[in-house]
Amino acid sequence: MTWNERLSTLARERGWGGAELERRSGVDRQLIYKYLRGEIAQPRGDILTRLAEALGTTEAYLRFGPAPPIKPGTPAELPVEIATIPVVILTKLYMFGGIDALFVDKDSLPRMAAPEAVGPRAFGVRLHDDSMAPDLPAGAVVIIDPDQPVTPGRPVAAIVHRPHGHAVVRIWRALDATDLQRGELVANNAFYPPIPVHSSEQATILGRAVYVIHSL
């Protein structure tokens, strides 16, 4: 299903035509009709966001389709444990500079039981702020798996190099469906502004979030 077919389906499910979608989103009706007819292959992100909000969904869903959410759980709810992984506080993740350095010092870090499905380079990150609340609250441990492909609309851990070096967990939003390396790191909490990423010099994505543990 293409993005405009998802747009059309959601509007039709709500019984909305172009006029009602214009009223609710503020997007020009003639432009909406072009979208619904599939005449525009790559819509602007800001317009798509307004349409998504009016329809009660996300820009990532309209652009890329559904993606399974990361799996919540407590240690007792996780799959069979087969190994342990290092855990680092998010504020200290930047100090390692990358996954290789993290695993060089892994014996000095606290460890936690790992779910069966994670890769050998998986690690845990303890969140320190409310940037990803309420889904990923402060204090939660997010398991990051570098061996899982980065998927638009899913949380990732990243090291931001410019303008100020720090590590974040954010939703990865690609700005162009044909170039998934360029995009934005977006917080759930609107208080935190998006972080644009146009090259690896600005930020390095370490891996995709696959589990979140709310209590440990």
N, C-alpha and C. Protein backbone atom coordinates (compact mmCIF):
# COMPACT_ATOMS: atom_id res chain seq x y z
N MET A 1 0.85 -1.19 0.00
CA MET A 1 0.00 0.00 0.00
C MET A 1 0.88 1.24 0.00
N THR A 2 0.61 2.19 -0.88
CA THR A 2 1.38 3.42 -0.95
C THR A 2 0.91 4.41 0.11
N TRP A 3 1.71 5.49 0.30
CA TRP A 3 1.36 6.45 1.34
C TRP A 3 0.03 7.12 1.05
N ASN A 4 -0.25 7.44 -0.23
CA ASN A 4 -1.51 8.11 -0.53
C ASN A 4 -2.70 7.16 -0.37
N GLU A 5 -2.47 5.86 -0.55
CA GLU A 5 -3.54 4.90 -0.31
C GLU A 5 -3.85 4.81 1.18
N ARG A 6 -2.82 4.90 2.02
CA ARG A 6 -3.07 4.92 3.47
C ARG A 6 -3.83 6.18 3.86
N LEU A 7 -3.45 7.31 3.25
CA LEU A 7 -4.16 8.56 3.52
C LEU A 7 -5.63 8.44 3.11
N SER A 8 -5.88 7.92 1.93
CA SER A 8 -7.24 7.77 1.42
C SER A 8 -8.06 6.82 2.29
N THR A 9 -7.42 5.72 2.72
CA THR A 9 -8.13 4.73 3.54
C THR A 9 -8.55 5.32 4.87
N LEU A 10 -7.64 6.04 5.52
CA LEU A 10 -7.97 6.64 6.82
C LEU A 10 -9.07 7.68 6.69
N ALA A 11 -9.00 8.50 5.64
CA ALA A 11 -10.05 9.51 5.43
C ALA A 11 -11.40 8.84 5.16
N ARG A 12 -11.38 7.80 4.35
CA ARG A 12 -12.63 7.09 4.02
C ARG A 12 -13.22 6.41 5.25
N GLU A 13 -12.37 5.83 6.10
CA GLU A 13 -12.85 5.18 7.33
C GLU A 13 -13.56 6.17 8.24
N ARG A 14 -13.16 7.43 8.19
CA ARG A 14 -13.77 8.45 9.03
C ARG A 14 -14.92 9.18 8.33
N GLY A 15 -15.15 8.81 7.08
CA GLY A 15 -16.21 9.44 6.32
C GLY A 15 -15.89 10.86 5.90
N TRP A 16 -14.60 11.17 5.76
CA TRP A 16 -14.17 12.51 5.42
C TRP A 16 -13.85 12.63 3.94
N GLY A 17 -14.28 13.72 3.33
CA GLY A 17 -13.85 14.07 2.00
C GLY A 17 -12.74 15.11 2.08
N GLY A 18 -12.38 15.65 0.94
CA GLY A 18 -11.30 16.63 0.91
C GLY A 18 -11.62 17.87 1.72
N ALA A 19 -12.89 18.30 1.72
CA ALA A 19 -13.27 19.52 2.43
C ALA A 19 -13.11 19.35 3.94
N GLU A 20 -13.55 18.20 4.45
CA GLU A 20 -13.44 17.97 5.89
C GLU A 20 -11.98 17.81 6.31
N LEU A 21 -11.19 17.14 5.49
CA LEU A 21 -9.78 16.98 5.81
C LEU A 21 -9.07 18.34 5.77
N GLU A 22 -9.49 19.21 4.86
CA GLU A 22 -8.94 20.57 4.81
C GLU A 22 -9.29 21.32 6.09
N ARG A 23 -10.53 21.22 6.53
CA ARG A 23 -10.98 21.94 7.72
C ARG A 23 -10.20 21.49 8.97
N ARG A 24 -9.94 20.20 9.05
CA ARG A 24 -9.30 19.67 10.25
C ARG A 24 -7.78 19.83 10.23
N SER A 25 -7.18 19.84 9.07
CA SER A 25 -5.72 19.88 8.98
C SER A 25 -5.17 21.25 8.60
N GLY A 26 -6.01 22.08 7.94
CA GLY A 26 -5.53 23.36 7.46
C GLY A 26 -4.75 23.27 6.17
N VAL A 27 -4.69 22.08 5.56
CA VAL A 27 -4.00 21.89 4.29
C VAL A 27 -4.97 22.21 3.15
N ASP A 28 -4.50 22.91 2.14
CA ASP A 28 -5.36 23.31 1.03
C ASP A 28 -6.05 22.12 0.39
N ARG A 29 -7.35 22.29 0.11
CA ARG A 29 -8.16 21.20 -0.41
C ARG A 29 -7.65 20.68 -1.75
N GLN A 30 -7.24 21.56 -2.63
CA GLN A 30 -6.77 21.12 -3.94
C GLN A 30 -5.51 20.27 -3.81
N LEU A 31 -4.66 20.61 -2.85
CA LEU A 31 -3.47 19.82 -2.61
C LEU A 31 -3.85 18.45 -2.04
N ILE A 32 -4.84 18.45 -1.16
CA ILE A 32 -5.31 17.18 -0.60
C ILE A 32 -5.83 16.26 -1.70
N TYR A 33 -6.60 16.80 -2.64
CA TYR A 33 -7.11 15.98 -3.74
C TYR A 33 -5.97 15.40 -4.56
N LYS A 34 -4.91 16.16 -4.77
CA LYS A 34 -3.75 15.64 -5.50
C LYS A 34 -3.10 14.50 -4.74
N TYR A 35 -3.04 14.65 -3.42
CA TYR A 35 -2.50 13.58 -2.59
C TYR A 35 -3.36 12.32 -2.70
N LEU A 36 -4.66 12.50 -2.57
CA LEU A 36 -5.57 11.35 -2.59
C LEU A 36 -5.53 10.63 -3.92
N ARG A 37 -5.28 11.37 -5.00
CA ARG A 37 -5.21 10.74 -6.32
C ARG A 37 -3.82 10.20 -6.63
N GLY A 38 -2.89 10.39 -5.73
CA GLY A 38 -1.55 9.86 -5.95
C GLY A 38 -0.73 10.64 -6.94
N GLU A 39 -1.04 11.93 -7.12
CA GLU A 39 -0.32 12.74 -8.10
C GLU A 39 1.00 13.29 -7.56
N ILE A 40 1.21 13.20 -6.24
CA ILE A 40 2.43 13.70 -5.62
C ILE A 40 3.10 12.54 -4.90
N ALA A 41 4.29 12.17 -5.38
CA ALA A 41 4.96 10.98 -4.85
C ALA A 41 5.64 11.24 -3.51
N GLN A 42 6.19 12.44 -3.34
CA GLN A 42 6.95 12.76 -2.13
C GLN A 42 6.39 14.01 -1.48
N PRO A 43 5.42 13.89 -0.59
CA PRO A 43 4.85 15.07 0.06
C PRO A 43 5.82 15.70 1.05
N ARG A 44 5.66 16.98 1.29
CA ARG A 44 6.46 17.67 2.29
C ARG A 44 6.15 17.13 3.67
N GLY A 45 7.20 17.02 4.50
CA GLY A 45 7.02 16.45 5.82
C GLY A 45 6.09 17.24 6.71
N ASP A 46 6.16 18.59 6.65
CA ASP A 46 5.31 19.38 7.54
C ASP A 46 3.84 19.24 7.18
N ILE A 47 3.54 19.16 5.89
CA ILE A 47 2.15 18.97 5.46
C ILE A 47 1.67 17.58 5.85
N LEU A 48 2.52 16.59 5.66
CA LEU A 48 2.14 15.23 6.01
C LEU A 48 1.89 15.10 7.51
N THR A 49 2.66 15.81 8.30
CA THR A 49 2.47 15.80 9.75
C THR A 49 1.10 16.38 10.11
N ARG A 50 0.70 17.47 9.47
CA ARG A 50 -0.61 18.08 9.75
C ARG A 50 -1.75 17.13 9.36
N LEU A 51 -1.61 16.46 8.23
CA LEU A 51 -2.63 15.50 7.82
C LEU A 51 -2.69 14.32 8.79
N ALA A 52 -1.52 13.85 9.20
CA ALA A 52 -1.47 12.72 10.13
C ALA A 52 -2.12 13.07 11.46
N GLU A 53 -1.83 14.26 11.98
CA GLU A 53 -2.42 14.68 13.25
C GLU A 53 -3.93 14.79 13.14
N ALA A 54 -4.42 15.31 12.01
CA ALA A 54 -5.87 15.42 11.83
C ALA A 54 -6.52 14.04 11.79
N LEU A 55 -5.81 13.06 11.26
CA LEU A 55 -6.35 11.70 11.12
C LEU A 55 -6.07 10.84 12.34
N GLY A 56 -5.38 11.40 13.31
CA GLY A 56 -5.10 10.64 14.53
C GLY A 56 -4.03 9.58 14.35
N THR A 57 -3.08 9.81 13.45
CA THR A 57 -2.00 8.86 13.24
C THR A 57 -0.68 9.62 13.22
N THR A 58 0.38 9.02 12.69
CA THR A 58 1.69 9.65 12.66
C THR A 58 2.16 9.82 11.22
N GLU A 59 3.08 10.76 11.05
CA GLU A 59 3.69 10.93 9.73
C GLU A 59 4.39 9.66 9.29
N ALA A 60 5.06 8.98 10.25
CA ALA A 60 5.79 7.75 9.91
C ALA A 60 4.84 6.69 9.36
N TYR A 61 3.62 6.58 9.94
CA TYR A 61 2.67 5.59 9.43
C TYR A 61 2.23 5.94 8.02
N LEU A 62 1.88 7.20 7.79
CA LEU A 62 1.44 7.58 6.44
C LEU A 62 2.54 7.34 5.41
N ARG A 63 3.75 7.69 5.77
CA ARG A 63 4.84 7.62 4.79
C ARG A 63 5.35 6.19 4.57
N PHE A 64 5.47 5.42 5.68
CA PHE A 64 6.13 4.12 5.58
C PHE A 64 5.24 2.93 5.91
N GLY A 65 4.05 3.18 6.47
CA GLY A 65 3.21 2.07 6.85
C GLY A 65 3.46 1.65 8.29
N PRO A 66 2.75 0.63 8.75
CA PRO A 66 2.86 0.22 10.15
C PRO A 66 4.20 -0.42 10.46
N ALA A 67 4.66 -0.19 11.67
CA ALA A 67 5.85 -0.86 12.19
C ALA A 67 5.51 -1.37 13.57
N PRO A 68 5.91 -2.58 13.91
CA PRO A 68 5.57 -3.11 15.23
C PRO A 68 6.24 -2.30 16.32
N PRO A 69 5.55 -2.04 17.43
CA PRO A 69 6.15 -1.26 18.50
C PRO A 69 7.27 -2.04 19.18
N ILE A 70 8.16 -1.32 19.87
CA ILE A 70 9.16 -2.04 20.64
C ILE A 70 8.44 -2.78 21.75
N LYS A 71 9.05 -3.84 22.23
CA LYS A 71 8.37 -4.75 23.15
C LYS A 71 8.62 -4.33 24.59
N PRO A 72 7.55 -3.99 25.32
CA PRO A 72 7.74 -3.64 26.72
C PRO A 72 7.88 -4.89 27.57
N GLY A 73 8.29 -4.73 28.81
CA GLY A 73 8.34 -5.89 29.69
C GLY A 73 9.10 -5.58 30.95
N THR A 74 8.94 -6.44 31.94
CA THR A 74 9.77 -6.45 33.13
C THR A 74 10.68 -7.65 32.98
N PRO A 75 11.71 -7.78 33.79
CA PRO A 75 12.58 -8.94 33.63
C PRO A 75 11.83 -10.27 33.62
N ALA A 76 10.76 -10.38 34.40
CA ALA A 76 10.02 -11.65 34.44
C ALA A 76 9.25 -11.90 33.16
N GLU A 77 8.94 -10.85 32.40
CA GLU A 77 8.13 -11.00 31.20
C GLU A 77 8.96 -11.20 29.94
N LEU A 78 10.29 -10.99 30.04
CA LEU A 78 11.11 -11.08 28.85
C LEU A 78 11.27 -12.53 28.42
N PRO A 79 11.65 -12.75 27.13
CA PRO A 79 11.86 -14.11 26.67
C PRO A 79 12.98 -14.80 27.43
N VAL A 80 13.22 -16.07 27.10
CA VAL A 80 14.23 -16.86 27.78
C VAL A 80 15.58 -16.13 27.76
N GLU A 81 16.25 -16.06 28.90
CA GLU A 81 17.51 -15.34 28.99
C GLU A 81 18.67 -16.28 28.63
N ILE A 82 19.55 -15.83 27.74
CA ILE A 82 20.64 -16.68 27.31
C ILE A 82 21.99 -16.01 27.52
N ALA A 83 22.00 -14.73 27.88
CA ALA A 83 23.26 -14.02 28.03
C ALA A 83 23.02 -12.79 28.87
N THR A 84 24.06 -12.03 29.10
CA THR A 84 23.92 -10.73 29.75
C THR A 84 24.53 -9.68 28.85
N ILE A 85 24.06 -8.46 29.01
CA ILE A 85 24.54 -7.35 28.19
C ILE A 85 24.95 -6.20 29.09
N PRO A 86 25.91 -5.38 28.65
CA PRO A 86 26.30 -4.22 29.46
C PRO A 86 25.21 -3.16 29.45
N VAL A 87 25.15 -2.41 30.53
CA VAL A 87 24.17 -1.32 30.67
C VAL A 87 24.92 -0.04 31.00
N VAL A 88 24.59 1.03 30.27
CA VAL A 88 25.25 2.30 30.48
C VAL A 88 24.20 3.40 30.62
N ILE A 89 24.46 4.38 31.47
CA ILE A 89 23.57 5.53 31.59
C ILE A 89 23.70 6.38 30.33
N LEU A 90 22.59 6.87 29.84
CA LEU A 90 22.60 7.59 28.56
C LEU A 90 23.58 8.76 28.56
N THR A 91 23.68 9.46 29.67
CA THR A 91 24.57 10.62 29.72
C THR A 91 26.04 10.22 29.57
N LYS A 92 26.38 8.96 29.87
CA LYS A 92 27.76 8.50 29.75
C LYS A 92 28.04 7.80 28.42
N LEU A 93 26.99 7.52 27.65
CA LEU A 93 27.18 6.78 26.41
C LEU A 93 28.06 7.54 25.44
N TYR A 94 27.95 8.87 25.43
CA TYR A 94 28.75 9.67 24.50
C TYR A 94 30.25 9.50 24.77
N MET A 95 30.62 9.26 26.00
CA MET A 95 32.03 9.13 26.36
C MET A 95 32.70 7.95 25.64
N PHE A 96 31.91 6.92 25.33
CA PHE A 96 32.49 5.75 24.67
C PHE A 96 32.73 5.99 23.18
N GLY A 97 31.94 6.88 22.59
CA GLY A 97 32.17 7.25 21.19
C GLY A 97 31.67 6.26 20.17
N GLY A 98 31.36 5.05 20.58
CA GLY A 98 30.87 4.06 19.62
C GLY A 98 30.73 2.71 20.29
N ILE A 99 30.19 1.76 19.56
CA ILE A 99 29.90 0.44 20.12
C ILE A 99 31.18 -0.32 20.44
N ASP A 100 32.19 -0.22 19.58
CA ASP A 100 33.44 -0.96 19.80
C ASP A 100 34.07 -0.58 21.14
N ALA A 101 34.13 0.73 21.40
CA ALA A 101 34.72 1.18 22.66
C ALA A 101 33.88 0.76 23.85
N LEU A 102 32.57 0.74 23.67
CA LEU A 102 31.68 0.31 24.75
C LEU A 102 31.99 -1.12 25.16
N PHE A 103 32.22 -1.98 24.18
CA PHE A 103 32.45 -3.38 24.49
C PHE A 103 33.88 -3.65 24.95
N VAL A 104 34.79 -2.75 24.65
CA VAL A 104 36.14 -2.88 25.21
C VAL A 104 36.08 -2.76 26.73
N ASP A 105 35.22 -1.84 27.22
CA ASP A 105 35.09 -1.59 28.65
C ASP A 105 33.89 -2.30 29.27
N LYS A 106 33.34 -3.29 28.57
CA LYS A 106 32.09 -3.89 29.04
C LYS A 106 32.21 -4.54 30.42
N ASP A 107 33.41 -5.04 30.76
CA ASP A 107 33.57 -5.71 32.05
C ASP A 107 33.49 -4.75 33.23
N SER A 108 33.67 -3.45 32.95
CA SER A 108 33.59 -2.46 34.02
C SER A 108 32.18 -1.92 34.21
N LEU A 109 31.25 -2.33 33.34
CA LEU A 109 29.88 -1.83 33.37
C LEU A 109 28.95 -2.82 34.06
N PRO A 110 27.89 -2.33 34.68
CA PRO A 110 26.88 -3.25 35.19
C PRO A 110 26.25 -4.03 34.04
N ARG A 111 25.68 -5.18 34.36
CA ARG A 111 25.13 -6.03 33.31
C ARG A 111 23.71 -6.43 33.68
N MET A 112 22.96 -6.83 32.67
CA MET A 112 21.58 -7.29 32.88
C MET A 112 21.31 -8.47 31.97
N ALA A 113 20.31 -9.27 32.33
CA ALA A 113 19.94 -10.42 31.51
C ALA A 113 19.40 -9.95 30.16
N ALA A 114 19.75 -10.68 29.10
CA ALA A 114 19.36 -10.30 27.75
C ALA A 114 18.27 -11.23 27.22
N PRO A 115 17.29 -10.68 26.50
CA PRO A 115 16.30 -11.53 25.86
C PRO A 115 16.94 -12.41 24.78
N GLU A 116 16.30 -13.48 24.49
CA GLU A 116 16.82 -14.45 23.54
C GLU A 116 17.07 -13.86 22.16
N ALA A 117 16.21 -12.91 21.75
CA ALA A 117 16.23 -12.46 20.36
C ALA A 117 17.30 -11.42 20.05
N VAL A 118 17.97 -10.86 21.06
CA VAL A 118 18.89 -9.77 20.77
C VAL A 118 20.20 -10.30 20.20
N GLY A 119 20.90 -9.42 19.46
CA GLY A 119 22.16 -9.79 18.85
C GLY A 119 23.32 -9.74 19.83
N PRO A 120 24.49 -10.21 19.40
CA PRO A 120 25.65 -10.28 20.30
C PRO A 120 26.21 -8.92 20.70
N ARG A 121 25.86 -7.86 19.98
CA ARG A 121 26.37 -6.53 20.31
C ARG A 121 25.32 -5.68 21.02
N ALA A 122 24.24 -6.27 21.47
CA ALA A 122 23.19 -5.50 22.14
C ALA A 122 23.69 -4.95 23.46
N PHE A 123 23.15 -3.82 23.85
CA PHE A 123 23.49 -3.20 25.13
C PHE A 123 22.28 -2.45 25.66
N GLY A 124 22.28 -2.18 26.96
CA GLY A 124 21.18 -1.45 27.58
C GLY A 124 21.56 0.00 27.84
N VAL A 125 20.58 0.88 27.73
CA VAL A 125 20.77 2.30 28.01
C VAL A 125 19.71 2.73 29.02
N ARG A 126 20.17 3.26 30.14
CA ARG A 126 19.22 3.77 31.14
C ARG A 126 18.94 5.24 30.84
N LEU A 127 17.66 5.57 30.66
CA LEU A 127 17.28 6.94 30.31
C LEU A 127 17.32 7.83 31.56
N HIS A 128 17.68 9.09 31.34
CA HIS A 128 17.86 10.00 32.47
C HIS A 128 16.90 11.18 32.44
N ASP A 129 16.10 11.32 31.34
CA ASP A 129 15.21 12.47 31.27
C ASP A 129 13.85 12.04 30.71
N ASP A 130 12.96 13.02 30.50
CA ASP A 130 11.61 12.72 30.05
C ASP A 130 11.42 12.99 28.55
N SER A 131 12.53 13.01 27.80
CA SER A 131 12.43 13.35 26.38
C SER A 131 11.60 12.33 25.60
N MET A 132 11.55 11.08 26.07
CA MET A 132 10.81 10.04 25.34
C MET A 132 9.56 9.59 26.11
N ALA A 133 9.22 10.32 27.17
CA ALA A 133 8.01 10.00 27.93
C ALA A 133 6.77 10.29 27.07
N PRO A 134 5.67 9.59 27.29
CA PRO A 134 5.46 8.59 28.35
C PRO A 134 5.87 7.17 27.96
N ASP A 135 6.13 6.90 26.68
CA ASP A 135 6.44 5.53 26.26
C ASP A 135 7.72 5.02 26.88
N LEU A 136 8.74 5.89 26.94
CA LEU A 136 10.04 5.52 27.50
C LEU A 136 10.37 6.52 28.60
N PRO A 137 9.92 6.29 29.81
CA PRO A 137 10.09 7.29 30.88
C PRO A 137 11.51 7.30 31.42
N ALA A 138 11.83 8.36 32.14
CA ALA A 138 13.12 8.46 32.81
C ALA A 138 13.28 7.28 33.77
N GLY A 139 14.46 6.68 33.77
CA GLY A 139 14.72 5.52 34.62
C GLY A 139 14.55 4.20 33.92
N ALA A 140 13.84 4.18 32.80
CA ALA A 140 13.65 2.94 32.05
C ALA A 140 14.96 2.53 31.39
N VAL A 141 15.12 1.25 31.17
CA VAL A 141 16.26 0.73 30.44
C VAL A 141 15.79 0.29 29.07
N VAL A 142 16.41 0.86 28.04
CA VAL A 142 16.07 0.52 26.66
C VAL A 142 17.18 -0.37 26.12
N ILE A 143 16.81 -1.53 25.58
CA ILE A 143 17.80 -2.43 24.99
C ILE A 143 17.98 -2.06 23.53
N ILE A 144 19.22 -1.75 23.17
CA ILE A 144 19.58 -1.32 21.82
C ILE A 144 20.29 -2.48 21.10
N ASP A 145 19.84 -2.79 19.91
CA ASP A 145 20.46 -3.87 19.13
C ASP A 145 21.03 -3.29 17.84
N PRO A 146 22.35 -3.13 17.75
CA PRO A 146 22.96 -2.58 16.53
C PRO A 146 22.78 -3.46 15.30
N ASP A 147 22.45 -4.73 15.51
CA ASP A 147 22.31 -5.65 14.38
C ASP A 147 20.91 -5.63 13.77
N GLN A 148 20.00 -4.88 14.37
CA GLN A 148 18.67 -4.72 13.80
C GLN A 148 18.65 -3.50 12.88
N PRO A 149 18.02 -3.59 11.72
CA PRO A 149 18.01 -2.45 10.80
C PRO A 149 17.25 -1.26 11.38
N VAL A 150 17.77 -0.08 11.13
CA VAL A 150 17.09 1.14 11.56
C VAL A 150 15.82 1.30 10.74
N THR A 151 14.71 1.54 11.42
CA THR A 151 13.41 1.63 10.77
C THR A 151 12.79 2.99 11.07
N PRO A 152 12.38 3.75 10.06
CA PRO A 152 11.71 5.03 10.33
C PRO A 152 10.50 4.84 11.23
N GLY A 153 10.36 5.74 12.19
CA GLY A 153 9.25 5.66 13.12
C GLY A 153 9.55 4.85 14.37
N ARG A 154 10.75 4.25 14.45
CA ARG A 154 11.12 3.45 15.62
C ARG A 154 12.23 4.15 16.41
N PRO A 155 12.30 3.94 17.73
CA PRO A 155 13.36 4.57 18.52
C PRO A 155 14.74 4.00 18.20
N VAL A 156 15.74 4.86 18.29
CA VAL A 156 17.14 4.46 18.11
C VAL A 156 17.98 5.16 19.17
N ALA A 157 19.18 4.61 19.40
CA ALA A 157 20.18 5.32 20.19
C ALA A 157 21.17 5.94 19.22
N ALA A 158 21.56 7.18 19.49
CA ALA A 158 22.46 7.88 18.58
C ALA A 158 23.43 8.76 19.37
N ILE A 159 24.61 8.93 18.81
CA ILE A 159 25.56 9.90 19.33
C ILE A 159 25.53 11.12 18.42
N VAL A 160 25.19 12.26 18.99
CA VAL A 160 25.11 13.52 18.24
C VAL A 160 26.44 14.23 18.37
N HIS A 161 27.08 14.50 17.25
CA HIS A 161 28.41 15.11 17.25
C HIS A 161 28.34 16.64 17.22
N ARG A 162 27.35 17.18 16.52
CA ARG A 162 27.25 18.63 16.35
C ARG A 162 25.84 19.08 16.67
N PRO A 163 25.65 20.30 17.22
CA PRO A 163 26.71 21.26 17.61
C PRO A 163 27.36 20.93 18.95
N HIS A 164 26.69 20.11 19.78
CA HIS A 164 27.24 19.74 21.09
C HIS A 164 27.19 18.23 21.21
N GLY A 165 28.30 17.63 21.61
CA GLY A 165 28.36 16.18 21.70
C GLY A 165 27.52 15.63 22.84
N HIS A 166 26.63 14.71 22.54
CA HIS A 166 25.84 14.04 23.57
C HIS A 166 25.17 12.82 22.94
N ALA A 167 24.64 11.96 23.78
CA ALA A 167 23.94 10.77 23.31
C ALA A 167 22.44 10.93 23.57
N VAL A 168 21.63 10.37 22.68
CA VAL A 168 20.18 10.47 22.81
C VAL A 168 19.52 9.15 22.43
N VAL A 169 18.32 8.96 22.92
CA VAL A 169 17.39 7.96 22.39
C VAL A 169 16.23 8.74 21.83
N ARG A 170 15.96 8.56 20.55
CA ARG A 170 14.93 9.32 19.85
C ARG A 170 14.26 8.46 18.77
N ILE A 171 13.12 8.93 18.30
CA ILE A 171 12.46 8.32 17.15
C ILE A 171 13.22 8.76 15.89
N TRP A 172 13.54 7.80 15.03
CA TRP A 172 14.20 8.15 13.77
C TRP A 172 13.13 8.42 12.71
N ARG A 173 13.16 9.62 12.16
CA ARG A 173 12.21 10.00 11.12
C ARG A 173 12.98 10.37 9.86
N ALA A 174 12.87 9.54 8.83
CA ALA A 174 13.54 9.83 7.56
C ALA A 174 12.78 10.93 6.85
N LEU A 175 13.51 11.86 6.26
CA LEU A 175 12.89 12.96 5.55
C LEU A 175 12.59 12.62 4.10
N ASP A 176 13.19 11.55 3.62
CA ASP A 176 13.01 11.15 2.23
C ASP A 176 12.95 9.63 2.19
N ALA A 177 11.86 9.09 1.68
CA ALA A 177 11.68 7.64 1.65
C ALA A 177 12.74 6.94 0.81
N THR A 178 13.42 7.68 -0.08
CA THR A 178 14.43 7.09 -0.94
C THR A 178 15.83 7.19 -0.35
N ASP A 179 15.97 7.93 0.77
CA ASP A 179 17.28 8.09 1.40
C ASP A 179 17.09 8.03 2.91
N LEU A 180 17.19 6.83 3.47
CA LEU A 180 16.90 6.63 4.88
C LEU A 180 18.05 7.07 5.78
N GLN A 181 19.17 7.56 5.21
CA GLN A 181 20.30 8.02 6.00
C GLN A 181 20.16 9.48 6.41
N ARG A 182 19.25 10.20 5.79
CA ARG A 182 19.02 11.60 6.13
C ARG A 182 17.67 11.72 6.82
N GLY A 183 17.65 12.43 7.93
CA GLY A 183 16.37 12.55 8.62
C GLY A 183 16.47 13.38 9.88
N GLU A 184 15.63 13.04 10.86
CA GLU A 184 15.60 13.77 12.12
C GLU A 184 15.49 12.77 13.27
N LEU A 185 16.07 13.14 14.38
CA LEU A 185 15.91 12.42 15.63
C LEU A 185 14.87 13.18 16.45
N VAL A 186 13.73 12.55 16.68
CA VAL A 186 12.57 13.26 17.22
C VAL A 186 12.19 12.69 18.58
N ALA A 187 11.99 13.55 19.56
CA ALA A 187 11.56 13.14 20.90
C ALA A 187 10.05 12.97 20.94
N ASN A 188 9.58 12.13 21.88
CA ASN A 188 8.15 12.04 22.12
C ASN A 188 7.63 13.31 22.80
N ASN A 189 8.46 13.88 23.66
CA ASN A 189 8.12 15.10 24.39
C ASN A 189 8.41 16.30 23.50
N ALA A 190 7.38 17.06 23.16
CA ALA A 190 7.53 18.19 22.23
C ALA A 190 8.43 19.29 22.78
N PHE A 191 8.75 19.24 24.08
CA PHE A 191 9.65 20.25 24.66
C PHE A 191 11.05 20.14 24.06
N TYR A 192 11.41 18.95 23.59
CA TYR A 192 12.75 18.71 23.04
C TYR A 192 12.69 18.83 21.51
N PRO A 193 13.42 19.76 20.92
CA PRO A 193 13.33 19.99 19.48
C PRO A 193 13.95 18.84 18.68
N PRO A 194 13.48 18.62 17.45
CA PRO A 194 14.09 17.60 16.58
C PRO A 194 15.56 17.91 16.31
N ILE A 195 16.33 16.87 16.11
CA ILE A 195 17.75 17.01 15.78
C ILE A 195 17.94 16.60 14.33
N PRO A 196 18.24 17.55 13.42
CA PRO A 196 18.42 17.19 12.01
C PRO A 196 19.71 16.40 11.80
N VAL A 197 19.64 15.41 10.92
CA VAL A 197 20.81 14.60 10.59
C VAL A 197 20.92 14.51 9.08
N HIS A 198 21.95 15.14 8.53
CA HIS A 198 22.16 15.12 7.09
C HIS A 198 23.41 14.34 6.68
N SER A 199 24.22 13.97 7.68
CA SER A 199 25.40 13.17 7.38
C SER A 199 25.90 12.54 8.68
N SER A 200 26.83 11.57 8.55
CA SER A 200 27.39 10.91 9.72
C SER A 200 28.26 11.85 10.54
N GLU A 201 28.63 13.00 9.97
CA GLU A 201 29.40 13.97 10.73
C GLU A 201 28.54 14.65 11.79
N GLN A 202 27.23 14.66 11.60
CA GLN A 202 26.34 15.28 12.57
C GLN A 202 25.92 14.31 13.66
N ALA A 203 25.67 13.06 13.28
CA ALA A 203 25.23 12.07 14.27
C ALA A 203 25.51 10.66 13.76
N THR A 204 25.73 9.76 14.71
CA THR A 204 25.94 8.35 14.40
C THR A 204 24.85 7.54 15.09
N ILE A 205 24.07 6.81 14.35
CA ILE A 205 23.04 5.95 14.94
C ILE A 205 23.69 4.64 15.35
N LEU A 206 23.57 4.30 16.63
CA LEU A 206 24.22 3.11 17.17
C LEU A 206 23.40 1.85 17.01
N GLY A 207 22.09 1.98 16.98
CA GLY A 207 21.24 0.80 16.85
C GLY A 207 19.81 1.12 17.18
N ARG A 208 18.95 0.15 16.92
CA ARG A 208 17.51 0.32 17.11
C ARG A 208 17.08 -0.23 18.47
N ALA A 209 16.13 0.45 19.09
CA ALA A 209 15.56 -0.03 20.35
C ALA A 209 14.65 -1.22 20.08
N VAL A 210 14.84 -2.30 20.85
CA VAL A 210 14.04 -3.51 20.63
C VAL A 210 13.22 -3.91 21.84
N TYR A 211 13.67 -3.49 23.03
CA TYR A 211 12.90 -3.76 24.25
C TYR A 211 13.03 -2.56 25.19
N VAL A 212 12.02 -2.38 26.02
CA VAL A 212 12.12 -1.39 27.09
C VAL A 212 11.68 -2.07 28.38
N ILE A 213 12.47 -1.85 29.43
CA ILE A 213 12.18 -2.43 30.73
C ILE A 213 11.90 -1.27 31.67
N HIS A 214 10.69 -1.21 32.19
CA HIS A 214 10.28 -0.09 33.02
C HIS A 214 10.74 -0.22 34.45
N SER A 215 11.08 -1.43 34.87
CA SER A 215 11.59 -1.63 36.23
C SER A 215 12.69 -2.67 36.17
N LEU A 216 13.75 -2.41 36.90
CA LEU A 216 14.91 -3.31 36.87
C LEU A 216 15.54 -3.37 38.25
